[in-house]
Amino acid sequence: MNISHSEYWKEVSNLAESMLGEALQDNGNDLEVAKEEIQDYRLHETIDGHMWIIYTTYHTDIAEHSHNEDYYKYIYCSESLGEMVYNGGVEALQMTIAFFAFQADVQYKLQKLFEEKEAA
C-alpha cells in the first residue's frame, strides 16, 4: 500500500492537531506546558509508534512526500550512518530517514499551530 501525497500531509496535520489538543487537555490548557511536553516526549513517542514508521513498506513514501527527507543528516554524522547501514542494512537507514522526515514535518505543523494559539 502506498501513501499518496495528500494522504501524507493530511496525516501530518491530523497528528499535530491531535497531539496539541491532547497536550493542552492534559495540562489545563497551558500552552507553554503543553509545548514542553510535546517537545520532551510526546512528539517522539507519537512518531515512533506510528504504523508508517513501524512498517517498512511506508518508508520510501514518507521520504518521497516529506519536505525534510534530509533531516537525518542533522542528527547523524557520516560515520554513524555508515555503521548503521553496516549493522542494520539499508532498511535501517530508510527507517531513520523516514522517522526524522516525518517527525520534522509534524514538528513544523506543530510550530504553526503554536503560533496560531499564541496569536489568538
PDB file of N, CA and C in Angstrom:
ATOM      1  N   MET A   1       0.839  -1.180   0.000  1.00  0.00           N
ATOM      2  CA  MET A   1       0.000   0.000   0.000  1.00  0.00           C
ATOM      3  C   MET A   1       0.883   1.242   0.000  1.00  0.00           C
ATOM      4  N   ASN A   2       0.595   2.158  -0.896  1.00  0.00           N
ATOM      5  CA  ASN A   2       1.361   3.394  -0.989  1.00  0.00           C
ATOM      6  C   ASN A   2       0.606   4.534  -0.326  1.00  0.00           C
ATOM      7  N   ILE A   3       1.359   5.480   0.174  1.00  0.00           N
ATOM      8  CA  ILE A   3       0.794   6.688   0.764  1.00  0.00           C
ATOM      9  C   ILE A   3       0.791   7.758  -0.321  1.00  0.00           C
ATOM     10  N   SER A   4      -0.358   8.378  -0.561  1.00  0.00           N
ATOM     11  CA  SER A   4      -0.410   9.471  -1.532  1.00  0.00           C
ATOM     12  C   SER A   4       0.125  10.743  -0.883  1.00  0.00           C
ATOM     13  N   HIS A   5       0.452  11.698  -1.716  1.00  0.00           N
ATOM     14  CA  HIS A   5       0.961  12.979  -1.230  1.00  0.00           C
ATOM     15  C   HIS A   5      -0.060  13.644  -0.304  1.00  0.00           C
ATOM     16  N   SER A   6      -1.305  13.688  -0.741  1.00  0.00           N
ATOM     17  CA  SER A   6      -2.341  14.342   0.073  1.00  0.00           C
ATOM     18  C   SER A   6      -2.615  13.563   1.355  1.00  0.00           C
ATOM     19  N   GLU A   7      -2.567  12.249   1.295  1.00  0.00           N
ATOM     20  CA  GLU A   7      -2.762  11.431   2.498  1.00  0.00           C
ATOM     21  C   GLU A   7      -1.644  11.686   3.513  1.00  0.00           C
ATOM     22  N   TYR A   8      -0.427  11.807   3.015  1.00  0.00           N
ATOM     23  CA  TYR A   8       0.706  12.064   3.899  1.00  0.00           C
ATOM     24  C   TYR A   8       0.516  13.383   4.646  1.00  0.00           C
ATOM     25  N   TRP A   9       0.222  14.444   3.910  1.00  0.00           N
ATOM     26  CA  TRP A   9       0.117  15.761   4.535  1.00  0.00           C
ATOM     27  C   TRP A   9      -1.125  15.886   5.407  1.00  0.00           C
ATOM     28  N   LYS A  10      -2.167  15.154   5.070  1.00  0.00           N
ATOM     29  CA  LYS A  10      -3.352  15.134   5.940  1.00  0.00           C
ATOM     30  C   LYS A  10      -3.006  14.471   7.269  1.00  0.00           C
ATOM     31  N   GLU A  11      -2.243  13.390   7.223  1.00  0.00           N
ATOM     32  CA  GLU A  11      -1.835  12.702   8.452  1.00  0.00           C
ATOM     33  C   GLU A  11      -0.899  13.583   9.283  1.00  0.00           C
ATOM     34  N   VAL A  12       0.006  14.304   8.638  1.00  0.00           N
ATOM     35  CA  VAL A  12       0.891  15.234   9.354  1.00  0.00           C
ATOM     36  C   VAL A  12       0.042  16.246  10.121  1.00  0.00           C
ATOM     37  N   SER A  13      -0.925  16.831   9.447  1.00  0.00           N
ATOM     38  CA  SER A  13      -1.802  17.823  10.097  1.00  0.00           C
ATOM     39  C   SER A  13      -2.623  17.198  11.213  1.00  0.00           C
ATOM     40  N   ASN A  14      -3.209  16.045  10.949  1.00  0.00           N
ATOM     41  CA  ASN A  14      -4.029  15.372  11.967  1.00  0.00           C
ATOM     42  C   ASN A  14      -3.227  15.028  13.211  1.00  0.00           C
ATOM     43  N   LEU A  15      -2.015  14.530  13.013  1.00  0.00           N
ATOM     44  CA  LEU A  15      -1.167  14.191  14.159  1.00  0.00           C
ATOM     45  C   LEU A  15      -0.831  15.420  14.981  1.00  0.00           C
ATOM     46  N   ALA A  16      -0.448  16.488  14.311  1.00  0.00           N
ATOM     47  CA  ALA A  16      -0.079  17.715  15.018  1.00  0.00           C
ATOM     48  C   ALA A  16      -1.274  18.268  15.788  1.00  0.00           C
ATOM     49  N   GLU A  17      -2.419  18.321  15.149  1.00  0.00           N
ATOM     50  CA  GLU A  17      -3.611  18.869  15.799  1.00  0.00           C
ATOM     51  C   GLU A  17      -4.049  18.016  16.989  1.00  0.00           C
ATOM     52  N   SER A  18      -4.061  16.695  16.826  1.00  0.00           N
ATOM     53  CA  SER A  18      -4.485  15.840  17.939  1.00  0.00           C
ATOM     54  C   SER A  18      -3.463  15.855  19.070  1.00  0.00           C
ATOM     55  N   MET A  19      -2.185  15.910  18.727  1.00  0.00           N
ATOM     56  CA  MET A  19      -1.148  15.953  19.752  1.00  0.00           C
ATOM     57  C   MET A  19      -1.251  17.223  20.583  1.00  0.00           C
ATOM     58  N   LEU A  20      -1.447  18.352  19.915  1.00  0.00           N
ATOM     59  CA  LEU A  20      -1.584  19.612  20.640  1.00  0.00           C
ATOM     60  C   LEU A  20      -2.854  19.613  21.478  1.00  0.00           C
ATOM     61  N   GLY A  21      -3.949  19.132  20.914  1.00  0.00           N
ATOM     62  CA  GLY A  21      -5.202  19.074  21.659  1.00  0.00           C
ATOM     63  C   GLY A  21      -5.098  18.226  22.909  1.00  0.00           C
ATOM     64  N   GLU A  22      -4.483  17.060  22.793  1.00  0.00           N
ATOM     65  CA  GLU A  22      -4.310  16.170  23.947  1.00  0.00           C
ATOM     66  C   GLU A  22      -3.387  16.794  24.981  1.00  0.00           C
ATOM     67  N   ALA A  23      -2.296  17.400  24.518  1.00  0.00           N
ATOM     68  CA  ALA A  23      -1.344  18.013  25.451  1.00  0.00           C
ATOM     69  C   ALA A  23      -1.981  19.184  26.194  1.00  0.00           C
ATOM     70  N   LEU A  24      -2.783  19.968  25.487  1.00  0.00           N
ATOM     71  CA  LEU A  24      -3.479  21.073  26.152  1.00  0.00           C
ATOM     72  C   LEU A  24      -4.483  20.546  27.170  1.00  0.00           C
ATOM     73  N   GLN A  25      -5.233  19.535  26.792  1.00  0.00           N
ATOM     74  CA  GLN A  25      -6.225  18.957  27.691  1.00  0.00           C
ATOM     75  C   GLN A  25      -5.557  18.363  28.936  1.00  0.00           C
ATOM     76  N   ASP A  26      -4.443  17.693  28.738  1.00  0.00           N
ATOM     77  CA  ASP A  26      -3.735  17.060  29.858  1.00  0.00           C
ATOM     78  C   ASP A  26      -3.062  18.075  30.774  1.00  0.00           C
ATOM     79  N   ASN A  27      -2.893  19.305  30.295  1.00  0.00           N
ATOM     80  CA  ASN A  27      -2.154  20.311  31.054  1.00  0.00           C
ATOM     81  C   ASN A  27      -2.965  21.571  31.318  1.00  0.00           C
ATOM     82  N   GLY A  28      -4.258  21.406  31.472  1.00  0.00           N
ATOM     83  CA  GLY A  28      -5.115  22.532  31.847  1.00  0.00           C
ATOM     84  C   GLY A  28      -5.089  23.705  30.895  1.00  0.00           C
ATOM     85  N   ASN A  29      -4.946  23.424  29.600  1.00  0.00           N
ATOM     86  CA  ASN A  29      -4.906  24.448  28.554  1.00  0.00           C
ATOM     87  C   ASN A  29      -3.729  25.411  28.681  1.00  0.00           C
ATOM     88  N   ASP A  30      -2.689  25.017  29.378  1.00  0.00           N
ATOM     89  CA  ASP A  30      -1.471  25.826  29.491  1.00  0.00           C
ATOM     90  C   ASP A  30      -0.592  25.532  28.272  1.00  0.00           C
ATOM     91  N   LEU A  31      -0.534  26.464  27.348  1.00  0.00           N
ATOM     92  CA  LEU A  31       0.181  26.251  26.095  1.00  0.00           C
ATOM     93  C   LEU A  31       1.666  26.000  26.311  1.00  0.00           C
ATOM     94  N   GLU A  32       2.292  26.745  27.205  1.00  0.00           N
ATOM     95  CA  GLU A  32       3.735  26.574  27.432  1.00  0.00           C
ATOM     96  C   GLU A  32       4.058  25.188  27.978  1.00  0.00           C
ATOM     97  N   VAL A  33       3.256  24.710  28.898  1.00  0.00           N
ATOM     98  CA  VAL A  33       3.470  23.367  29.460  1.00  0.00           C
ATOM     99  C   VAL A  33       3.206  22.319  28.391  1.00  0.00           C
ATOM    100  N   ALA A  34       2.151  22.525  27.597  1.00  0.00           N
ATOM    101  CA  ALA A  34       1.833  21.586  26.523  1.00  0.00           C
ATOM    102  C   ALA A  34       2.971  21.521  25.501  1.00  0.00           C
ATOM    103  N   LYS A  35       3.519  22.674  25.117  1.00  0.00           N
ATOM    104  CA  LYS A  35       4.636  22.707  24.175  1.00  0.00           C
ATOM    105  C   LYS A  35       5.833  21.944  24.724  1.00  0.00           C
ATOM    106  N   GLU A  36       6.126  22.173  25.996  1.00  0.00           N
ATOM    107  CA  GLU A  36       7.260  21.490  26.624  1.00  0.00           C
ATOM    108  C   GLU A  36       7.056  19.987  26.633  1.00  0.00           C
ATOM    109  N   GLU A  37       5.854  19.558  26.967  1.00  0.00           N
ATOM    110  CA  GLU A  37       5.557  18.120  26.998  1.00  0.00           C
ATOM    111  C   GLU A  37       5.682  17.496  25.608  1.00  0.00           C
ATOM    112  N   ILE A  38       5.188  18.203  24.601  1.00  0.00           N
ATOM    113  CA  ILE A  38       5.293  17.703  23.229  1.00  0.00           C
ATOM    114  C   ILE A  38       6.754  17.550  22.840  1.00  0.00           C
ATOM    115  N   GLN A  39       7.564  18.561  23.143  1.00  0.00           N
ATOM    116  CA  GLN A  39       8.984  18.509  22.791  1.00  0.00           C
ATOM    117  C   GLN A  39       9.752  17.473  23.606  1.00  0.00           C
ATOM    118  N   ASP A  40       9.372  17.321  24.873  1.00  0.00           N
ATOM    119  CA  ASP A  40      10.096  16.388  25.739  1.00  0.00           C
ATOM    120  C   ASP A  40       9.902  14.930  25.343  1.00  0.00           C
ATOM    121  N   TYR A  41       8.667  14.548  25.034  1.00  0.00           N
ATOM    122  CA  TYR A  41       8.463  13.130  24.734  1.00  0.00           C
ATOM    123  C   TYR A  41       7.298  12.824  23.799  1.00  0.00           C
ATOM    124  N   ARG A  42       6.264  13.617  23.808  1.00  0.00           N
ATOM    125  CA  ARG A  42       5.046  13.251  23.080  1.00  0.00           C
ATOM    126  C   ARG A  42       5.277  13.141  21.572  1.00  0.00           C
ATOM    127  N   LEU A  43       6.008  14.066  20.980  1.00  0.00           N
ATOM    128  CA  LEU A  43       6.266  14.019  19.541  1.00  0.00           C
ATOM    129  C   LEU A  43       7.050  12.767  19.176  1.00  0.00           C
ATOM    130  N   HIS A  44       8.126  12.523  19.879  1.00  0.00           N
ATOM    131  CA  HIS A  44       8.953  11.342  19.587  1.00  0.00           C
ATOM    132  C   HIS A  44       8.147  10.051  19.721  1.00  0.00           C
ATOM    133  N   GLU A  45       7.416   9.916  20.802  1.00  0.00           N
ATOM    134  CA  GLU A  45       6.638   8.696  21.034  1.00  0.00           C
ATOM    135  C   GLU A  45       5.554   8.503  19.986  1.00  0.00           C
ATOM    136  N   THR A  46       4.928   9.593  19.581  1.00  0.00           N
ATOM    137  CA  THR A  46       3.870   9.505  18.571  1.00  0.00           C
ATOM    138  C   THR A  46       4.432   9.034  17.241  1.00  0.00           C
ATOM    139  N   ILE A  47       5.529   9.622  16.816  1.00  0.00           N
ATOM    140  CA  ILE A  47       6.129   9.234  15.539  1.00  0.00           C
ATOM    141  C   ILE A  47       6.689   7.819  15.623  1.00  0.00           C
ATOM    142  N   ASP A  48       7.371   7.506  16.706  1.00  0.00           N
ATOM    143  CA  ASP A  48       7.979   6.188  16.872  1.00  0.00           C
ATOM    144  C   ASP A  48       6.943   5.068  16.849  1.00  0.00           C
ATOM    145  N   GLY A  49       5.754   5.321  17.354  1.00  0.00           N
ATOM    146  CA  GLY A  49       4.718   4.300  17.401  1.00  0.00           C
ATOM    147  C   GLY A  49       3.770   4.306  16.219  1.00  0.00           C
ATOM    148  N   HIS A  50       3.985   5.203  15.277  1.00  0.00           N
ATOM    149  CA  HIS A  50       3.088   5.306  14.118  1.00  0.00           C
ATOM    150  C   HIS A  50       3.321   4.129  13.172  1.00  0.00           C
ATOM    151  N   MET A  51       2.230   3.618  12.607  1.00  0.00           N
ATOM    152  CA  MET A  51       2.348   2.442  11.729  1.00  0.00           C
ATOM    153  C   MET A  51       3.226   2.715  10.509  1.00  0.00           C
ATOM    154  N   TRP A  52       3.302   3.971  10.070  1.00  0.00           N
ATOM    155  CA  TRP A  52       4.147   4.276   8.921  1.00  0.00           C
ATOM    156  C   TRP A  52       5.628   4.150   9.249  1.00  0.00           C
ATOM    157  N   ILE A  53       5.972   4.219  10.508  1.00  0.00           N
ATOM    158  CA  ILE A  53       7.365   4.020  10.920  1.00  0.00           C
ATOM    159  C   ILE A  53       7.597   2.546  11.272  1.00  0.00           C
ATOM    160  N   ILE A  54       6.622   1.949  11.893  1.00  0.00           N
ATOM    161  CA  ILE A  54       6.756   0.541  12.297  1.00  0.00           C
ATOM    162  C   ILE A  54       6.899  -0.374  11.088  1.00  0.00           C
ATOM    163  N   TYR A  55       6.099  -0.128  10.049  1.00  0.00           N
ATOM    164  CA  TYR A  55       6.112  -0.995   8.864  1.00  0.00           C
ATOM    165  C   TYR A  55       6.975  -0.395   7.764  1.00  0.00           C
ATOM    166  N   THR A  56       7.980  -1.143   7.349  1.00  0.00           N
ATOM    167  CA  THR A  56       8.978  -0.646   6.399  1.00  0.00           C
ATOM    168  C   THR A  56       8.408  -0.302   5.029  1.00  0.00           C
ATOM    169  N   THR A  57       7.284  -0.853   4.690  1.00  0.00           N
ATOM    170  CA  THR A  57       6.699  -0.599   3.376  1.00  0.00           C
ATOM    171  C   THR A  57       6.389   0.872   3.134  1.00  0.00           C
ATOM    172  N   TYR A  58       6.232   1.666   4.201  1.00  0.00           N
ATOM    173  CA  TYR A  58       5.877   3.077   4.072  1.00  0.00           C
ATOM    174  C   TYR A  58       7.085   4.015   4.021  1.00  0.00           C
ATOM    175  N   HIS A  59       8.255   3.543   4.333  1.00  0.00           N
ATOM    176  CA  HIS A  59       9.419   4.413   4.497  1.00  0.00           C
ATOM    177  C   HIS A  59       9.783   5.208   3.253  1.00  0.00           C
ATOM    178  N   THR A  60       9.765   4.580   2.100  1.00  0.00           N
ATOM    179  CA  THR A  60      10.128   5.323   0.887  1.00  0.00           C
ATOM    180  C   THR A  60       9.058   6.352   0.531  1.00  0.00           C
ATOM    181  N   ASP A  61       7.795   6.060   0.831  1.00  0.00           N
ATOM    182  CA  ASP A  61       6.728   7.037   0.571  1.00  0.00           C
ATOM    183  C   ASP A  61       6.910   8.283   1.437  1.00  0.00           C
ATOM    184  N   ILE A  62       7.267   8.090   2.689  1.00  0.00           N
ATOM    185  CA  ILE A  62       7.489   9.233   3.570  1.00  0.00           C
ATOM    186  C   ILE A  62       8.605  10.107   3.012  1.00  0.00           C
ATOM    187  N   ALA A  63       9.710   9.494   2.640  1.00  0.00           N
ATOM    188  CA  ALA A  63      10.838  10.259   2.094  1.00  0.00           C
ATOM    189  C   ALA A  63      10.443  10.983   0.810  1.00  0.00           C
ATOM    190  N   GLU A  64       9.593  10.374   0.027  1.00  0.00           N
ATOM    191  CA  GLU A  64       9.162  10.979  -1.232  1.00  0.00           C
ATOM    192  C   GLU A  64       8.287  12.219  -1.009  1.00  0.00           C
ATOM    193  N   HIS A  65       7.402  12.177  -0.008  1.00  0.00           N
ATOM    194  CA  HIS A  65       6.442  13.256   0.203  1.00  0.00           C
ATOM    195  C   HIS A  65       6.918  14.333   1.185  1.00  0.00           C
ATOM    196  N   SER A  66       7.876  14.019   1.997  1.00  0.00           N
ATOM    197  CA  SER A  66       8.334  14.932   3.033  1.00  0.00           C
ATOM    198  C   SER A  66       9.090  16.119   2.455  1.00  0.00           C
ATOM    199  N   HIS A  67       9.029  17.224   3.183  1.00  0.00           N
ATOM    200  CA  HIS A  67       9.859  18.383   2.855  1.00  0.00           C
ATOM    201  C   HIS A  67      11.179  18.324   3.629  1.00  0.00           C
ATOM    202  N   ASN A  68      11.343  17.282   4.430  1.00  0.00           N
ATOM    203  CA  ASN A  68      12.514  17.161   5.312  1.00  0.00           C
ATOM    204  C   ASN A  68      13.209  15.816   5.157  1.00  0.00           C
ATOM    205  N   GLU A  69      13.252  15.311   3.947  1.00  0.00           N
ATOM    206  CA  GLU A  69      13.835  13.986   3.725  1.00  0.00           C
ATOM    207  C   GLU A  69      15.323  13.918   4.053  1.00  0.00           C
ATOM    208  N   ASP A  70      15.992  15.053   4.169  1.00  0.00           N
ATOM    209  CA  ASP A  70      17.414  15.072   4.521  1.00  0.00           C
ATOM    210  C   ASP A  70      17.659  15.442   5.979  1.00  0.00           C
ATOM    211  N   TYR A  71      16.616  15.537   6.771  1.00  0.00           N
ATOM    212  CA  TYR A  71      16.757  15.980   8.162  1.00  0.00           C
ATOM    213  C   TYR A  71      17.655  15.055   8.984  1.00  0.00           C
ATOM    214  N   TYR A  72      17.669  13.779   8.658  1.00  0.00           N
ATOM    215  CA  TYR A  72      18.503  12.818   9.386  1.00  0.00           C
ATOM    216  C   TYR A  72      19.973  13.217   9.375  1.00  0.00           C
ATOM    217  N   LYS A  73      20.388  13.974   8.381  1.00  0.00           N
ATOM    218  CA  LYS A  73      21.791  14.392   8.269  1.00  0.00           C
ATOM    219  C   LYS A  73      22.187  15.367   9.375  1.00  0.00           C
ATOM    220  N   TYR A  74      21.186  16.022   9.982  1.00  0.00           N
ATOM    221  CA  TYR A  74      21.458  16.926  11.098  1.00  0.00           C
ATOM    222  C   TYR A  74      21.594  16.152  12.410  1.00  0.00           C
ATOM    223  N   ILE A  75      21.200  14.902  12.389  1.00  0.00           N
ATOM    224  CA  ILE A  75      21.211  14.071  13.586  1.00  0.00           C
ATOM    225  C   ILE A  75      22.422  13.134  13.600  1.00  0.00           C
ATOM    226  N   TYR A  76      22.747  12.574  12.446  1.00  0.00           N
ATOM    227  CA  TYR A  76      23.806  11.571  12.357  1.00  0.00           C
ATOM    228  C   TYR A  76      24.952  12.059  11.471  1.00  0.00           C
ATOM    229  N   CYS A  77      26.169  11.725  11.867  1.00  0.00           N
ATOM    230  CA  CYS A  77      27.335  12.007  11.036  1.00  0.00           C
ATOM    231  C   CYS A  77      27.510  10.864  10.029  1.00  0.00           C
ATOM    232  N   SER A  78      28.347  11.069   9.056  1.00  0.00           N
ATOM    233  CA  SER A  78      28.577  10.061   8.016  1.00  0.00           C
ATOM    234  C   SER A  78      29.053   8.739   8.606  1.00  0.00           C
ATOM    235  N   GLU A  79      29.917   8.828   9.592  1.00  0.00           N
ATOM    236  CA  GLU A  79      30.440   7.611  10.224  1.00  0.00           C
ATOM    237  C   GLU A  79      29.323   6.817  10.885  1.00  0.00           C
ATOM    238  N   SER A  80      28.441   7.511  11.591  1.00  0.00           N
ATOM    239  CA  SER A  80      27.316   6.839  12.249  1.00  0.00           C
ATOM    240  C   SER A  80      26.368   6.214  11.239  1.00  0.00           C
ATOM    241  N   LEU A  81      26.132   6.920  10.137  1.00  0.00           N
ATOM    242  CA  LEU A  81      25.263   6.379   9.097  1.00  0.00           C
ATOM    243  C   LEU A  81      25.875   5.129   8.467  1.00  0.00           C
ATOM    244  N   GLY A  82      27.167   5.178   8.247  1.00  0.00           N
ATOM    245  CA  GLY A  82      27.852   4.004   7.700  1.00  0.00           C
ATOM    246  C   GLY A  82      27.763   2.812   8.638  1.00  0.00           C
ATOM    247  N   GLU A  83      27.941   3.062   9.909  1.00  0.00           N
ATOM    248  CA  GLU A  83      27.828   1.998  10.901  1.00  0.00           C
ATOM    249  C   GLU A  83      26.397   1.459  10.956  1.00  0.00           C
ATOM    250  N   MET A  84      25.430   2.351  10.827  1.00  0.00           N
ATOM    251  CA  MET A  84      24.031   1.946  10.836  1.00  0.00           C
ATOM    252  C   MET A  84      23.734   0.995   9.675  1.00  0.00           C
ATOM    253  N   VAL A  85      24.207   1.346   8.507  1.00  0.00           N
ATOM    254  CA  VAL A  85      23.985   0.504   7.331  1.00  0.00           C
ATOM    255  C   VAL A  85      24.746  -0.809   7.480  1.00  0.00           C
ATOM    256  N   TYR A  86      25.965  -0.739   7.981  1.00  0.00           N
ATOM    257  CA  TYR A  86      26.765  -1.947   8.180  1.00  0.00           C
ATOM    258  C   TYR A  86      26.054  -2.919   9.123  1.00  0.00           C
ATOM    259  N   ASN A  87      25.516  -2.392  10.217  1.00  0.00           N
ATOM    260  CA  ASN A  87      24.890  -3.254  11.230  1.00  0.00           C
ATOM    261  C   ASN A  87      23.445  -3.626  10.911  1.00  0.00           C
ATOM    262  N   GLY A  88      22.703  -2.721  10.301  1.00  0.00           N
ATOM    263  CA  GLY A  88      21.272  -2.966  10.101  1.00  0.00           C
ATOM    264  C   GLY A  88      20.816  -3.020   8.664  1.00  0.00           C
ATOM    265  N   GLY A  89      21.725  -2.802   7.740  1.00  0.00           N
ATOM    266  CA  GLY A  89      21.363  -2.823   6.332  1.00  0.00           C
ATOM    267  C   GLY A  89      20.712  -1.521   5.891  1.00  0.00           C
ATOM    268  N   VAL A  90      20.381  -1.475   4.639  1.00  0.00           N
ATOM    269  CA  VAL A  90      19.767  -0.291   4.057  1.00  0.00           C
ATOM    270  C   VAL A  90      18.420   0.002   4.715  1.00  0.00           C
ATOM    271  N   GLU A  91      17.740  -1.037   5.164  1.00  0.00           N
ATOM    272  CA  GLU A  91      16.437  -0.856   5.819  1.00  0.00           C
ATOM    273  C   GLU A  91      16.559   0.025   7.061  1.00  0.00           C
ATOM    274  N   ALA A  92      17.642  -0.110   7.794  1.00  0.00           N
ATOM    275  CA  ALA A  92      17.850   0.717   8.989  1.00  0.00           C
ATOM    276  C   ALA A  92      18.009   2.187   8.599  1.00  0.00           C
ATOM    277  N   LEU A  93      18.714   2.441   7.525  1.00  0.00           N
ATOM    278  CA  LEU A  93      18.881   3.809   7.046  1.00  0.00           C
ATOM    279  C   LEU A  93      17.555   4.363   6.540  1.00  0.00           C
ATOM    280  N   GLN A  94      16.794   3.562   5.808  1.00  0.00           N
ATOM    281  CA  GLN A  94      15.492   4.004   5.311  1.00  0.00           C
ATOM    282  C   GLN A  94      14.543   4.343   6.457  1.00  0.00           C
ATOM    283  N   MET A  95      14.571   3.545   7.515  1.00  0.00           N
ATOM    284  CA  MET A  95      13.721   3.827   8.668  1.00  0.00           C
ATOM    285  C   MET A  95      14.150   5.132   9.339  1.00  0.00           C
ATOM    286  N   THR A  96      15.425   5.358   9.455  1.00  0.00           N
ATOM    287  CA  THR A  96      15.944   6.585  10.062  1.00  0.00           C
ATOM    288  C   THR A  96      15.540   7.805   9.241  1.00  0.00           C
ATOM    289  N   ILE A  97      15.671   7.709   7.936  1.00  0.00           N
ATOM    290  CA  ILE A  97      15.270   8.812   7.059  1.00  0.00           C
ATOM    291  C   ILE A  97      13.782   9.088   7.234  1.00  0.00           C
ATOM    292  N   ALA A  98      12.965   8.032   7.212  1.00  0.00           N
ATOM    293  CA  ALA A  98      11.510   8.189   7.345  1.00  0.00           C
ATOM    294  C   ALA A  98      11.141   8.774   8.703  1.00  0.00           C
ATOM    295  N   PHE A  99      11.744   8.256   9.752  1.00  0.00           N
ATOM    296  CA  PHE A  99      11.416   8.727  11.099  1.00  0.00           C
ATOM    297  C   PHE A  99      11.678  10.221  11.243  1.00  0.00           C
ATOM    298  N   PHE A 100      12.879  10.654  10.907  1.00  0.00           N
ATOM    299  CA  PHE A 100      13.235  12.051  11.118  1.00  0.00           C
ATOM    300  C   PHE A 100      12.526  12.983  10.138  1.00  0.00           C
ATOM    301  N   ALA A 101      12.245  12.523   8.932  1.00  0.00           N
ATOM    302  CA  ALA A 101      11.484  13.343   7.988  1.00  0.00           C
ATOM    303  C   ALA A 101      10.060  13.549   8.488  1.00  0.00           C
ATOM    304  N   PHE A 102       9.419  12.473   8.899  1.00  0.00           N
ATOM    305  CA  PHE A 102       8.048  12.528   9.406  1.00  0.00           C
ATOM    306  C   PHE A 102       7.983  13.393  10.665  1.00  0.00           C
ATOM    307  N   GLN A 103       8.917  13.181  11.554  1.00  0.00           N
ATOM    308  CA  GLN A 103       8.952  13.966  12.792  1.00  0.00           C
ATOM    309  C   GLN A 103       9.139  15.455  12.487  1.00  0.00           C
ATOM    310  N   ALA A 104      10.031  15.785  11.582  1.00  0.00           N
ATOM    311  CA  ALA A 104      10.286  17.191  11.250  1.00  0.00           C
ATOM    312  C   ALA A 104       9.062  17.834  10.593  1.00  0.00           C
ATOM    313  N   ASP A 105       8.354  17.095   9.753  1.00  0.00           N
ATOM    314  CA  ASP A 105       7.147  17.641   9.127  1.00  0.00           C
ATOM    315  C   ASP A 105       6.059  17.905  10.166  1.00  0.00           C
ATOM    316  N   VAL A 106       5.874  16.972  11.091  1.00  0.00           N
ATOM    317  CA  VAL A 106       4.881  17.160  12.148  1.00  0.00           C
ATOM    318  C   VAL A 106       5.314  18.309  13.060  1.00  0.00           C
ATOM    319  N   GLN A 107       6.594  18.398  13.359  1.00  0.00           N
ATOM    320  CA  GLN A 107       7.108  19.484  14.193  1.00  0.00           C
ATOM    321  C   GLN A 107       6.842  20.843  13.544  1.00  0.00           C
ATOM    322  N   TYR A 108       7.033  20.932  12.248  1.00  0.00           N
ATOM    323  CA  TYR A 108       6.774  22.185  11.534  1.00  0.00           C
ATOM    324  C   TYR A 108       5.300  22.570  11.653  1.00  0.00           C
ATOM    325  N   LYS A 109       4.415  21.589  11.471  1.00  0.00           N
ATOM    326  CA  LYS A 109       2.982  21.863  11.597  1.00  0.00           C
ATOM    327  C   LYS A 109       2.635  22.256  13.033  1.00  0.00           C
ATOM    328  N   LEU A 110       3.240  21.605  14.003  1.00  0.00           N
ATOM    329  CA  LEU A 110       3.020  21.972  15.398  1.00  0.00           C
ATOM    330  C   LEU A 110       3.448  23.409  15.656  1.00  0.00           C
ATOM    331  N   GLN A 111       4.574  23.801  15.099  1.00  0.00           N
ATOM    332  CA  GLN A 111       5.063  25.164  15.289  1.00  0.00           C
ATOM    333  C   GLN A 111       4.052  26.175  14.760  1.00  0.00           C
ATOM    334  N   LYS A 112       3.455  25.874  13.620  1.00  0.00           N
ATOM    335  CA  LYS A 112       2.423  26.757  13.060  1.00  0.00           C
ATOM    336  C   LYS A 112       1.213  26.818  13.995  1.00  0.00           C
ATOM    337  N   LEU A 113       0.826  25.680  14.556  1.00  0.00           N
ATOM    338  CA  LEU A 113      -0.301  25.648  15.494  1.00  0.00           C
ATOM    339  C   LEU A 113       0.013  26.431  16.767  1.00  0.00           C
ATOM    340  N   PHE A 114       1.244  26.305  17.257  1.00  0.00           N
ATOM    341  CA  PHE A 114       1.666  27.074  18.444  1.00  0.00           C
ATOM    342  C   PHE A 114       1.525  28.568  18.159  1.00  0.00           C
ATOM    343  N   GLU A 115       2.010  28.983  16.999  1.00  0.00           N
ATOM    344  CA  GLU A 115       1.947  30.397  16.633  1.00  0.00           C
ATOM    345  C   GLU A 115       0.507  30.883  16.533  1.00  0.00           C
ATOM    346  N   GLU A 116      -0.368  30.070  15.976  1.00  0.00           N
ATOM    347  CA  GLU A 116      -1.785  30.430  15.873  1.00  0.00           C
ATOM    348  C   GLU A 116      -2.406  30.582  17.270  1.00  0.00           C
ATOM    349  N   LYS A 117      -2.089  29.654  18.166  1.00  0.00           N
ATOM    350  CA  LYS A 117      -2.621  29.702  19.528  1.00  0.00           C
ATOM    351  C   LYS A 117      -2.111  30.932  20.261  1.00  0.00           C
ATOM    352  N   GLU A 118      -0.846  31.248  20.093  1.00  0.00           N
ATOM    353  CA  GLU A 118      -0.261  32.403  20.757  1.00  0.00           C
ATOM    354  C   GLU A 118      -0.853  33.715  20.242  1.00  0.00           C
ATOM    355  N   ALA A 119      -1.190  33.755  18.966  1.00  0.00           N
ATOM    356  CA  ALA A 119      -1.755  34.960  18.362  1.00  0.00           C
ATOM    357  C   ALA A 119      -3.224  35.164  18.749  1.00  0.00           C
ATOM    358  N   ALA A 120      -3.898  34.069  19.102  1.00  0.00           N
ATOM    359  CA  ALA A 120      -5.342  34.157  19.431  1.00  0.00           C
ATOM    360  C   ALA A 120      -5.593  34.727  20.816  1.00  0.00           C
TER     361      ALA A 120
END
